[in-house]
């Protein structure tokens, strides 16, 4: 199936009852639903309960969930799993949480149960390993009639943040996904106001504040808190524009505003296997060298596992440039270094 696209709401994902004269052929229905059909559809197309039972017992069909069947055997593809979960959930069932994030291309598809949200009046319950069922009283406000139906981007991010095991994980998720998902901070703030999350609200709001200030990844948050703030370093400028080959690119952290031509690259993404991105970064490195700029590059393991070592290197370069007006401080972790 094709992901990351929106289609009119009158798709085959809709549970709207179709008059008999407007129904697609049985073959068309099965094809459009990836081989998955509900018991109600089987009965509507003339299959009796005995017929359904006979096909299952003969191994031609198989029951995936209560009242939901696959008309084929073998591997269950993603499209079939989505159809099965939504058919099981009922008329208002909506892809949500990790599954909605996958459909929005916020996160890669994984081998996890399909997550759906249903109204509180629904009788559907989680049926692992195929489907996890969530409930919401605000579903009519968060549901989009995409193909397949899913929660809005902002609501998807809030749902995922609330599901994290710790505040820190919720914070990092908000910063990462809001920066990547082409959803504005204003839209996120409106979502939180109109649909207050039942936990981590202050953490989510703080994450949005960080994004608004220019931080765009969990790695940038770690650098700000565990390198700069923990060691008394001056706050660098975030997302500084730089022109390379006639194009405007953005540096993660620069210290020009405190008198040092120093660039910090926070390399937290596995994007360098893409030829165009790797070439762009090489050209950016060359441009920095030609301009006489000092530059340091750190990844997640550097900043997360040993922020004190990162701080010492940054302090060395800033001191060499005469940019430290005050002495850096030692954080509790420095004592063990």
Protein backbone atom coordinates (compact mmCIF):
# COMPACT_ATOMS: atom_id res chain seq x y z
CA UNK A 1 0.00 0.00 0.00
CA UNK A 2 1.08 3.60 -0.40
CA UNK A 3 1.87 5.54 2.78
CA UNK A 4 2.11 9.23 3.68
CA UNK A 5 -0.70 10.41 1.43
CA UNK A 6 -4.18 11.73 2.01
CA UNK A 7 -7.24 10.68 0.04
CA UNK A 8 -10.94 11.51 0.12
CA UNK A 9 -12.81 10.10 3.10
CA UNK A 10 -15.16 7.93 1.03
CA UNK A 11 -12.52 5.20 0.75
CA UNK A 12 -12.83 1.50 1.44
CA UNK A 13 -11.50 2.17 4.94
CA UNK A 14 -14.78 3.84 5.77
CA UNK A 15 -17.37 1.70 7.53
CA UNK A 16 -20.29 3.57 5.98
CA UNK A 17 -23.03 1.19 4.83
CA UNK A 18 -23.13 1.10 1.04
CA UNK A 19 -26.44 0.38 -0.73
CA UNK A 20 -26.40 -2.98 -2.48
CA UNK A 21 -26.60 -1.44 -5.96
CA UNK A 22 -23.51 0.68 -5.20
CA UNK A 23 -21.40 -2.07 -3.71
CA UNK A 24 -18.19 -3.06 -5.47
CA UNK A 25 -17.88 -6.60 -6.67
CA UNK A 26 -16.71 -9.16 -4.13
CA UNK A 27 -13.37 -9.46 -5.93
CA UNK A 28 -12.91 -5.69 -5.86
CA UNK A 29 -13.80 -5.46 -2.17
CA UNK A 30 -11.33 -8.16 -1.22
CA UNK A 31 -8.58 -6.58 -3.31
CA UNK A 32 -9.14 -3.09 -1.91
CA UNK A 33 -9.15 -4.38 1.66
CA UNK A 34 -5.92 -6.33 1.22
CA UNK A 35 -7.79 -9.63 1.49
CA UNK A 36 -9.34 -8.81 4.87
CA UNK A 37 -13.10 -8.72 5.46
CA UNK A 38 -15.41 -8.45 8.42
CA UNK A 39 -18.12 -10.94 9.34
CA UNK A 40 -20.74 -8.28 8.57
CA UNK A 41 -19.33 -7.87 5.06
CA UNK A 42 -19.27 -11.62 4.51
CA UNK A 43 -22.92 -11.88 5.48
CA UNK A 44 -23.82 -8.86 3.34
CA UNK A 45 -22.22 -10.52 0.31
CA UNK A 46 -24.19 -13.72 0.76
CA UNK A 47 -21.88 -15.89 2.85
CA UNK A 48 -23.79 -17.78 5.54
CA UNK A 49 -22.36 -18.51 9.03
CA UNK A 50 -21.95 -22.15 7.95
CA UNK A 51 -20.08 -21.03 4.83
CA UNK A 52 -17.73 -18.87 6.90
CA UNK A 53 -17.07 -21.70 9.32
CA UNK A 54 -16.44 -24.18 6.51
CA UNK A 55 -13.90 -21.92 4.77
CA UNK A 56 -12.02 -21.41 8.04
CA UNK A 57 -12.02 -25.11 8.89
CA UNK A 58 -10.80 -25.96 5.39
CA UNK A 59 -7.89 -23.53 5.75
CA UNK A 60 -8.96 -21.32 2.84
CA UNK A 61 -9.68 -18.45 5.22
CA UNK A 62 -8.45 -17.71 8.72
CA UNK A 63 -9.84 -15.70 11.58
CA UNK A 64 -7.49 -12.87 12.52
CA UNK A 65 -9.56 -11.19 15.21
CA UNK A 66 -13.10 -11.53 16.51
CA UNK A 67 -15.40 -10.98 13.51
CA UNK A 68 -12.46 -10.33 11.15
CA UNK A 69 -11.11 -12.79 8.57
CA UNK A 70 -8.31 -13.06 6.04
CA UNK A 71 -9.35 -14.65 2.76
CA UNK A 72 -5.81 -15.96 2.19
CA UNK A 73 -3.09 -17.88 4.00
CA UNK A 74 0.58 -17.14 4.46
CA UNK A 75 2.35 -13.98 5.60
CA UNK A 76 0.07 -11.16 6.75
CA UNK A 77 1.32 -7.96 5.05
CA UNK A 78 1.16 -4.56 6.71
CA UNK A 79 -1.88 -3.41 4.70
CA UNK A 80 -3.82 -6.48 5.82
CA UNK A 81 -2.88 -5.93 9.46
CA UNK A 82 -4.07 -2.31 9.29
CA UNK A 83 -7.37 -3.33 7.69
CA UNK A 84 -7.87 -6.08 10.26
CA UNK A 85 -7.30 -3.74 13.21
CA UNK A 86 -9.60 -1.05 11.85
CA UNK A 87 -12.34 -3.51 10.91
CA UNK A 88 -12.13 -5.00 14.38
CA UNK A 89 -12.23 -1.59 16.08
CA UNK A 90 -15.48 -0.53 14.49
CA UNK A 91 -16.81 2.42 12.56
CA UNK A 92 -14.75 5.12 14.31
CA UNK A 93 -11.55 3.17 14.85
CA UNK A 94 -8.48 5.26 14.03
CA UNK A 95 -4.80 4.43 13.69
CA UNK A 96 -2.94 6.12 16.55
CA UNK A 97 0.27 6.21 18.58
CA UNK A 98 3.18 4.36 16.92
CA UNK A 99 1.08 3.21 13.98
CA UNK A 100 -0.14 6.72 13.21
CA UNK A 101 3.44 7.96 13.51
CA UNK A 102 4.50 5.36 10.95
CA UNK A 103 1.72 6.42 8.58
CA UNK A 104 2.83 10.05 8.95
CA UNK A 105 6.43 8.94 8.26
CA UNK A 106 7.52 10.32 11.63
CA UNK A 107 9.05 6.97 12.57
CA UNK A 108 10.07 3.91 10.54
CA UNK A 109 7.68 0.98 10.32
CA UNK A 110 8.41 -1.62 12.94
CA UNK A 111 7.33 -5.12 13.81
CA UNK A 112 4.89 -4.05 16.52
CA UNK A 113 1.13 -4.43 17.01
CA UNK A 114 -1.17 -2.07 15.16
CA UNK A 115 -2.36 0.63 17.55
CA UNK A 116 -5.85 2.03 17.20
CA UNK A 117 -7.97 4.42 19.23
CA UNK A 118 -11.70 3.86 19.62
CA UNK A 119 -14.50 5.68 21.48
CA UNK A 120 -15.20 4.64 25.06
CA UNK A 121 -18.45 3.08 23.88
CA UNK A 122 -16.59 0.55 21.70
CA UNK A 123 -16.42 -3.07 22.85
CA UNK A 124 -13.01 -3.63 21.22
CA UNK A 125 -10.16 -4.63 23.53
CA UNK A 126 -6.49 -5.22 22.86
CA UNK A 127 -5.76 -8.46 21.02
CA UNK A 128 -1.98 -8.96 21.09
CA UNK A 129 0.10 -9.50 19.13
CA UNK A 130 -2.00 -8.01 16.32
CA UNK A 131 -3.71 -4.95 17.81
CA UNK A 132 -3.50 -2.65 20.82
CA UNK A 133 -6.65 -0.68 21.58
CA UNK A 134 -6.67 2.77 23.20
CA UNK A 135 -9.76 4.78 24.15
CA UNK A 136 -10.47 8.48 23.83
CA UNK A 137 -13.36 10.82 24.48
CA UNK A 138 -11.90 13.34 22.03
CA UNK A 139 -11.60 11.02 19.03
CA UNK A 140 -13.95 13.05 16.84
CA UNK A 141 -11.59 16.01 17.25
CA UNK A 142 -8.35 14.10 16.67
CA UNK A 143 -9.38 11.78 13.83
CA UNK A 144 -8.53 12.56 10.22
CA UNK A 145 -10.34 10.86 7.35
CA UNK A 146 -7.13 9.91 5.59
CA UNK A 147 -6.59 6.55 3.94
CA UNK A 148 -6.32 4.86 6.35
CA UNK A 149 -7.86 7.08 9.06
CA UNK A 150 -5.33 8.24 11.62
CA UNK A 151 -4.90 10.79 14.38
CA UNK A 152 -3.64 14.27 13.51
CA UNK A 153 0.10 14.84 13.64
CA UNK A 154 -0.05 16.98 16.77
CA UNK A 155 -2.28 14.51 18.60
CA UNK A 156 -0.04 11.62 17.53
CA UNK A 157 3.00 13.31 19.07
CA UNK A 158 1.12 14.05 22.30
CA UNK A 159 -0.13 10.44 22.49
CA UNK A 160 3.40 9.10 22.05
CA UNK A 161 4.85 11.52 24.60
CA UNK A 162 2.26 10.54 27.21
CA UNK A 163 3.11 6.86 26.62
CA UNK A 164 6.82 7.30 27.41
CA UNK A 165 8.21 5.76 30.58
CA UNK A 166 9.93 8.91 31.85
CA UNK A 167 9.77 12.68 31.58
CA UNK A 168 13.16 12.80 29.88
CA UNK A 169 12.04 10.34 27.19
CA UNK A 170 8.86 12.36 26.68
CA UNK A 171 10.88 15.56 26.36
CA UNK A 172 13.28 14.09 23.81
CA UNK A 173 10.43 12.61 21.78
CA UNK A 174 8.61 15.96 21.58
CA UNK A 175 11.72 17.85 20.47
CA UNK A 176 12.67 15.21 17.89
CA UNK A 177 9.23 14.69 16.35
CA UNK A 178 8.03 18.29 16.33
CA UNK A 179 11.25 19.28 14.55
CA UNK A 180 10.92 16.49 11.98
CA UNK A 181 7.20 16.25 11.37
CA UNK A 182 6.42 19.61 9.73
CA UNK A 183 4.02 20.49 12.55
CA UNK A 184 4.28 23.97 13.99
CA UNK A 185 4.90 24.75 17.64
CA UNK A 186 1.74 26.84 17.63
CA UNK A 187 -0.31 23.87 16.43
CA UNK A 188 1.22 21.71 19.14
CA UNK A 189 0.50 24.30 21.82
CA UNK A 190 -3.11 24.55 20.67
CA UNK A 191 -3.41 20.76 20.82
CA UNK A 192 -2.12 20.70 24.41
CA UNK A 193 -4.49 23.51 25.43
CA UNK A 194 -7.55 21.95 23.85
CA UNK A 195 -6.74 18.39 24.86
CA UNK A 196 -4.59 18.52 28.01
CA UNK A 197 -2.52 15.32 28.34
CA UNK A 198 -3.16 13.39 31.54
CA UNK A 199 0.58 13.31 32.37
CA UNK A 200 3.81 15.05 31.35
CA UNK A 201 1.96 18.23 30.38
CA UNK A 202 4.64 20.54 31.78
CA UNK A 203 7.35 18.42 30.13
CA UNK A 204 5.62 18.57 26.76
CA UNK A 205 5.21 22.34 27.07
CA UNK A 206 8.88 22.69 28.01
CA UNK A 207 9.85 20.65 24.97
CA UNK A 208 7.85 23.01 22.76
CA UNK A 209 9.63 25.96 24.36
CA UNK A 210 12.97 24.38 23.47
CA UNK A 211 11.90 23.85 19.86
CA UNK A 212 10.72 27.44 19.64
CA UNK A 213 14.15 28.56 20.90
CA UNK A 214 15.88 26.68 18.08
CA UNK A 215 16.65 23.23 19.45
CA UNK A 216 15.75 20.54 16.96
CA UNK A 217 16.81 17.20 18.42
CA UNK A 218 17.30 15.30 21.64
CA UNK A 219 21.05 15.55 21.06
CA UNK A 220 20.84 19.35 21.02
CA UNK A 221 18.90 19.27 24.29
CA UNK A 222 21.59 17.07 25.86
CA UNK A 223 24.34 19.42 24.66
CA UNK A 224 22.55 22.49 26.01
CA UNK A 225 21.84 20.99 29.43
CA UNK A 226 24.77 18.65 30.10
CA UNK A 227 27.59 20.49 28.33
CA UNK A 228 26.79 24.21 28.29
CA UNK A 229 24.65 24.68 31.40
CA UNK A 230 26.27 22.04 33.58
CA UNK A 231 29.74 23.51 32.96
CA UNK A 232 28.91 27.22 32.99
CA UNK A 233 29.64 27.75 29.30
CA UNK A 234 28.15 30.66 27.38
CA UNK A 235 24.97 29.81 25.50
CA UNK A 236 25.68 29.36 21.83
CA UNK A 237 23.39 30.51 19.04
CA UNK A 238 21.16 27.81 17.59
CA UNK A 239 20.40 27.11 13.93
CA UNK A 240 22.77 29.75 12.61
CA UNK A 241 22.41 30.25 8.83
CA UNK A 242 25.49 29.79 6.68
CA UNK A 243 25.68 30.10 2.90
CA UNK A 244 27.44 27.29 1.05
CA UNK A 245 27.49 27.09 -2.76
CA UNK A 246 24.68 29.64 -2.96
CA UNK A 247 22.44 27.67 -0.56
CA UNK A 248 21.51 28.52 3.02
CA UNK A 249 22.37 25.73 5.46
CA UNK A 250 22.10 25.73 9.23
CA UNK A 251 24.72 25.12 11.90
CA UNK A 252 23.61 23.52 15.18
CA UNK A 253 25.57 25.74 17.57
CA UNK A 254 27.88 28.72 16.97
CA UNK A 255 29.66 31.03 19.43
CA UNK A 256 30.16 34.13 17.26
CA UNK A 257 27.91 36.17 19.57
CA UNK A 258 30.38 35.65 22.44
CA UNK A 259 33.41 36.48 20.32
CA UNK A 260 34.52 33.10 19.02
CA UNK A 261 34.32 31.83 15.46
CA UNK A 262 33.51 28.32 16.63
CA UNK A 263 30.97 25.88 15.19
CA UNK A 264 29.64 22.82 17.01
CA UNK A 265 28.09 20.12 14.83
CA UNK A 266 25.78 17.70 16.60
CA UNK A 267 25.68 14.67 14.39
CA UNK A 268 22.72 12.72 15.70
CA UNK A 269 21.17 11.44 12.48
CA UNK A 270 22.08 8.49 10.27
CA UNK A 271 21.85 10.60 7.13
CA UNK A 272 25.40 10.56 5.91
CA UNK A 273 24.85 7.45 3.82
CA UNK A 274 22.82 9.66 1.50
CA UNK A 275 25.22 10.92 -1.15
CA UNK A 276 23.71 14.39 -1.40
CA UNK A 277 23.77 14.95 2.35
CA UNK A 278 27.35 13.70 2.68
CA UNK A 279 28.48 15.99 -0.15
CA UNK A 280 26.68 18.96 1.43
CA UNK A 281 28.38 18.36 4.78
CA UNK A 282 31.81 18.08 3.17
CA UNK A 283 31.23 21.37 1.38
CA UNK A 284 30.11 22.92 4.67
CA UNK A 285 33.29 21.66 6.36
CA UNK A 286 35.41 23.10 3.58
CA UNK A 287 33.60 26.44 3.80
CA UNK A 288 34.26 26.60 7.55
CA UNK A 289 37.94 25.83 7.02
CA UNK A 290 38.30 28.48 4.34
CA UNK A 291 36.64 31.01 6.64
CA UNK A 292 39.08 30.16 9.44
CA UNK A 293 36.40 28.78 11.73
CA UNK A 294 37.13 26.21 14.42
CA UNK A 295 34.67 23.34 14.40
CA UNK A 296 33.98 20.37 16.62
CA UNK A 297 31.67 17.45 15.81
CA UNK A 298 29.90 15.28 18.39
CA UNK A 299 27.44 12.42 18.21
CA UNK A 300 24.90 11.10 20.68
CA UNK A 301 27.36 8.78 22.46
CA UNK A 302 29.85 11.62 22.95
CA UNK A 303 27.39 14.00 24.55
CA UNK A 304 25.24 11.46 26.38
CA UNK A 305 28.00 9.18 27.72
CA UNK A 306 30.76 11.72 28.47
CA UNK A 307 29.50 15.33 28.44
CA UNK A 308 32.42 16.38 30.66
CA UNK A 309 34.97 15.37 28.01
CA UNK A 310 32.96 17.27 25.40
CA UNK A 311 32.89 20.32 27.69
CA UNK A 312 36.66 20.21 28.18
CA UNK A 313 37.23 20.24 24.42
CA UNK A 314 34.79 23.11 23.88
CA UNK A 315 36.37 25.03 26.77
CA UNK A 316 39.80 24.55 25.19
CA UNK A 317 38.70 26.00 21.85
CA UNK A 318 36.68 28.87 23.36
CA UNK A 319 39.60 29.79 25.65
CA UNK A 320 41.98 29.79 22.71
CA UNK A 321 39.64 32.27 21.02
CA UNK A 322 39.48 34.42 24.17
CA UNK A 323 35.73 33.94 24.43
CA UNK A 324 35.41 32.80 28.05
CA UNK A 325 34.67 35.86 30.15
CA UNK A 326 34.08 33.68 33.21
CA UNK A 327 35.71 30.53 34.44
CA UNK A 328 33.88 27.30 33.59
CA UNK A 329 32.58 25.23 36.47
CA UNK A 330 32.99 21.57 37.27
CA UNK A 331 29.78 19.54 37.27
CA UNK A 332 29.37 16.55 39.64
CA UNK A 333 30.40 14.24 36.81
CA UNK A 334 33.71 16.03 36.32
CA UNK A 335 34.95 14.84 39.72
CA UNK A 336 35.07 11.27 38.48
CA UNK A 337 36.74 12.15 35.17
